[in-house]
Amino acid sequence: MMFEKFFEEYGNIENKIEIPSDHLARVKNSIPDELFTFISNGSGVYMDGFLWVVDPIEYEPILKEIYTPVQEPSICFARDAFGGMYTYEDNSVVYINIRHGVSKVIGRKVNILFNSIMTDWEYFSEELSLENYQPAKEKLGGVTKDECYGYVPLLGLGGAEKAENLQKVKLKEHISIVAQALGKIE
């Protein structure tokens, strides 16, 4: 098993939905084998509702709307409870932080990302500014497949990054609004 520590820490996938085999075939040669095996397990949620594995083909349009990749192809394989997207491009995992309008390489080796970085919640949370996740989850409850926590007003439009400014919003619509209001992330 590839991401032993990740699965040990967070358990198995919840709310699992099979990703169509033709969708998997379209991304197979663009991502490392271990990441392909991981997403082949299906879309669904890990990390106590924080990380959602997604169908990369389903996320292509929304990724293109919000993000200009350094190098094509950029394959979105996961998203988080804040609508941030995790892509694989140019031999790296990139985090597209829609809250702050920035992208950042968070790992070059997928197994290290999953087994070391993501299993150290304190480090991972600090690295990606996730400190409001638990307060939001306690106040608003967990998010579903088509929801995320969004700051109202948007941080880029003067909103304050406080847990009390988070609301549950429709994921794809929220990402689209961020793209329209603040422009594409590079």
Protein backbone atom coordinates (compact mmCIF):
# COMPACT_ATOMS: atom_id res chain seq x y z
CA MET A 1 0.00 0.00 0.00
CA MET A 2 1.36 3.38 -0.97
CA PHE A 3 0.07 5.98 1.44
CA GLU A 4 0.26 3.78 4.57
CA LYS A 5 0.67 6.54 7.13
CA PHE A 6 -2.07 8.65 5.49
CA PHE A 7 -4.57 5.77 5.65
CA GLU A 8 -3.41 4.86 9.16
CA GLU A 9 -4.04 8.44 10.29
CA TYR A 10 -7.28 9.16 8.43
CA GLY A 11 -8.86 5.82 7.59
CA ASN A 12 -10.58 4.80 4.41
CA ILE A 13 -12.50 6.90 1.92
CA GLU A 14 -16.03 7.97 2.87
CA ASN A 15 -18.90 8.90 0.52
CA LYS A 16 -17.13 6.96 -2.22
CA ILE A 17 -18.23 7.39 -5.84
CA GLU A 18 -16.54 5.52 -8.69
CA ILE A 19 -14.68 7.75 -11.18
CA PRO A 20 -15.63 6.67 -14.73
CA SER A 21 -12.90 4.52 -16.30
CA ASP A 22 -12.75 6.73 -19.41
CA HIS A 23 -12.04 9.74 -17.14
CA LEU A 24 -9.25 7.82 -15.40
CA ALA A 25 -7.82 6.77 -18.77
CA ARG A 26 -7.61 10.43 -19.85
CA VAL A 27 -5.35 11.38 -16.91
CA LYS A 28 -3.37 8.14 -16.44
CA ASN A 29 -0.28 9.26 -18.37
CA SER A 30 -0.23 12.74 -16.77
CA ILE A 31 0.12 11.75 -13.12
CA PRO A 32 2.43 9.39 -11.19
CA ASP A 33 1.31 5.76 -10.84
CA GLU A 34 0.82 6.07 -7.07
CA LEU A 35 -1.48 9.08 -7.49
CA PHE A 36 -3.35 7.28 -10.27
CA THR A 37 -3.86 4.26 -7.99
CA PHE A 38 -5.09 6.56 -5.21
CA ILE A 39 -7.72 8.33 -7.36
CA SER A 40 -8.69 5.04 -9.02
CA ASN A 41 -10.11 4.12 -5.62
CA GLY A 42 -12.87 6.66 -6.33
CA SER A 43 -13.85 10.17 -5.39
CA GLY A 44 -14.86 10.79 -1.80
CA VAL A 45 -13.68 12.29 1.45
CA TYR A 46 -10.75 11.77 3.83
CA MET A 47 -9.25 13.65 6.77
CA ASP A 48 -12.46 13.96 8.78
CA GLY A 49 -14.28 15.80 5.99
CA PHE A 50 -11.40 18.08 4.99
CA LEU A 51 -9.95 16.52 1.81
CA TRP A 52 -12.15 15.41 -1.09
CA VAL A 53 -10.70 13.30 -3.89
CA VAL A 54 -12.39 14.47 -7.09
CA ASP A 55 -12.96 13.32 -10.66
CA PRO A 56 -10.22 15.23 -12.55
CA ILE A 57 -12.31 15.50 -15.72
CA GLU A 58 -15.31 16.89 -13.82
CA TYR A 59 -13.02 19.58 -12.34
CA GLU A 60 -11.34 20.60 -15.63
CA PRO A 61 -13.73 23.50 -16.42
CA ILE A 62 -13.64 25.01 -12.93
CA LEU A 63 -9.84 24.63 -12.74
CA LYS A 64 -9.47 26.43 -16.07
CA GLU A 65 -11.75 29.22 -14.86
CA ILE A 66 -9.75 29.98 -11.68
CA TYR A 67 -6.16 28.97 -12.49
CA THR A 68 -3.43 29.48 -15.08
CA PRO A 69 -0.99 26.59 -14.64
CA VAL A 70 2.76 26.88 -14.93
CA GLN A 71 2.71 23.89 -17.25
CA GLU A 72 -0.04 21.89 -18.93
CA PRO A 73 -1.53 19.50 -18.21
CA SER A 74 -2.63 20.47 -14.73
CA ILE A 75 -4.72 17.66 -13.25
CA CYS A 76 -6.98 18.47 -10.29
CA PHE A 77 -7.19 15.34 -8.14
CA ALA A 78 -8.52 16.76 -4.87
CA ARG A 79 -10.08 19.77 -3.23
CA ASP A 80 -10.42 20.79 0.37
CA ALA A 81 -13.18 22.09 2.62
CA PHE A 82 -12.27 25.70 1.67
CA GLY A 83 -12.49 25.04 -2.08
CA GLY A 84 -8.71 24.96 -2.44
CA MET A 85 -7.64 22.64 -5.24
CA TYR A 86 -4.76 20.17 -5.37
CA THR A 87 -3.32 19.63 -8.84
CA TYR A 88 -0.49 17.67 -10.32
CA GLU A 89 1.59 19.47 -12.91
CA ASP A 90 5.23 19.71 -13.89
CA ASN A 91 6.18 16.81 -11.56
CA SER A 92 4.77 18.64 -8.53
CA VAL A 93 1.65 18.86 -6.42
CA VAL A 94 0.37 22.44 -6.49
CA TYR A 95 -2.11 23.89 -4.00
CA ILE A 96 -4.43 26.51 -5.49
CA ASN A 97 -5.50 28.63 -2.55
CA ILE A 98 -8.69 30.38 -3.68
CA ARG A 99 -9.04 32.17 -0.34
CA HIS A 100 -5.79 34.10 -0.81
CA GLY A 101 -5.54 33.99 -4.62
CA VAL A 102 -2.19 32.20 -4.71
CA SER A 103 -0.78 28.88 -5.84
CA LYS A 104 2.10 27.06 -4.22
CA VAL A 105 4.06 23.86 -4.81
CA ILE A 106 3.43 21.74 -1.71
CA GLY A 107 5.23 18.58 -2.77
CA ARG A 108 7.41 17.07 -5.43
CA LYS A 109 6.96 13.47 -4.29
CA VAL A 110 3.35 12.40 -3.87
CA ASN A 111 4.09 9.72 -1.26
CA ILE A 112 5.96 12.25 0.93
CA LEU A 113 3.07 14.71 0.62
CA PHE A 114 0.52 12.12 1.74
CA ASN A 115 2.63 10.22 4.29
CA SER A 116 4.55 13.10 5.91
CA ILE A 117 3.11 16.53 5.20
CA MET A 118 -0.62 15.74 5.27
CA THR A 119 -0.34 13.46 8.29
CA ASP A 120 1.22 16.27 10.34
CA TRP A 121 -1.97 18.33 10.68
CA GLU A 122 -0.25 21.08 12.68
CA TYR A 123 2.39 21.64 9.96
CA PHE A 124 -0.06 21.12 7.08
CA SER A 125 -2.63 23.46 8.65
CA GLU A 126 -0.05 26.18 9.26
CA GLU A 127 1.47 25.77 5.79
CA LEU A 128 -1.91 26.26 4.08
CA SER A 129 -3.58 28.63 6.61
CA LEU A 130 -6.22 26.11 7.68
CA GLU A 131 -6.61 27.21 11.30
CA ASN A 132 -10.29 28.08 10.82
CA TYR A 133 -11.26 24.59 9.65
CA GLN A 134 -12.16 23.09 13.04
CA PRO A 135 -14.03 26.22 14.25
CA ALA A 136 -16.00 26.31 10.97
CA LYS A 137 -16.81 22.60 11.15
CA GLU A 138 -17.97 22.91 14.77
CA LYS A 139 -20.13 25.96 14.01
CA LEU A 140 -21.49 25.05 10.57
CA GLY A 141 -21.16 21.27 10.40
CA GLY A 142 -19.24 19.40 7.71
CA VAL A 143 -19.45 20.22 4.03
CA THR A 144 -20.94 17.95 1.37
CA LYS A 145 -19.57 16.99 -2.06
CA ASP A 146 -20.85 20.21 -3.63
CA GLU A 147 -20.15 22.62 -0.76
CA CYS A 148 -17.18 24.38 0.82
CA TYR A 149 -16.57 26.98 3.50
CA GLY A 150 -16.26 30.45 2.01
CA TYR A 151 -15.45 33.79 3.59
CA VAL A 152 -18.22 36.36 3.27
CA PRO A 153 -17.21 38.88 2.11
CA LEU A 154 -14.35 37.35 0.13
CA LEU A 155 -10.92 37.97 1.64
CA GLY A 156 -9.78 39.61 -1.60
CA LEU A 157 -12.67 42.08 -1.36
CA GLY A 158 -11.88 43.20 2.17
CA GLY A 159 -13.33 40.33 4.19
CA ALA A 160 -11.60 39.37 7.43
CA GLU A 161 -10.10 35.90 7.84
CA LYS A 162 -12.12 35.05 10.92
CA ALA A 163 -14.03 31.83 11.55
CA GLU A 164 -17.25 33.80 12.15
CA ASN A 165 -17.05 35.12 8.55
CA LEU A 166 -17.21 31.61 7.10
CA GLN A 167 -20.40 30.26 5.58
CA LYS A 168 -21.27 27.05 3.78
CA VAL A 169 -21.46 27.90 0.08
CA LYS A 170 -21.91 25.98 -3.17
CA LEU A 171 -18.40 24.89 -4.19
CA LYS A 172 -18.32 25.42 -7.96
CA GLU A 173 -20.35 28.63 -7.79
CA HIS A 174 -18.06 29.99 -5.07
CA ILE A 175 -14.92 29.23 -7.09
CA SER A 176 -16.53 30.88 -10.13
CA ILE A 177 -17.39 34.00 -8.10
CA VAL A 178 -13.82 34.17 -6.79
CA ALA A 179 -12.50 33.91 -10.36
CA GLN A 180 -14.86 36.64 -11.59
CA ALA A 181 -14.19 38.98 -8.66
CA LEU A 182 -10.47 38.53 -8.25
CA GLY A 183 -9.21 37.11 -11.55
CA LYS A 184 -7.24 33.98 -12.33
CA ILE A 185 -4.65 32.60 -9.96
CA GLU A 186 -1.22 31.99 -11.46
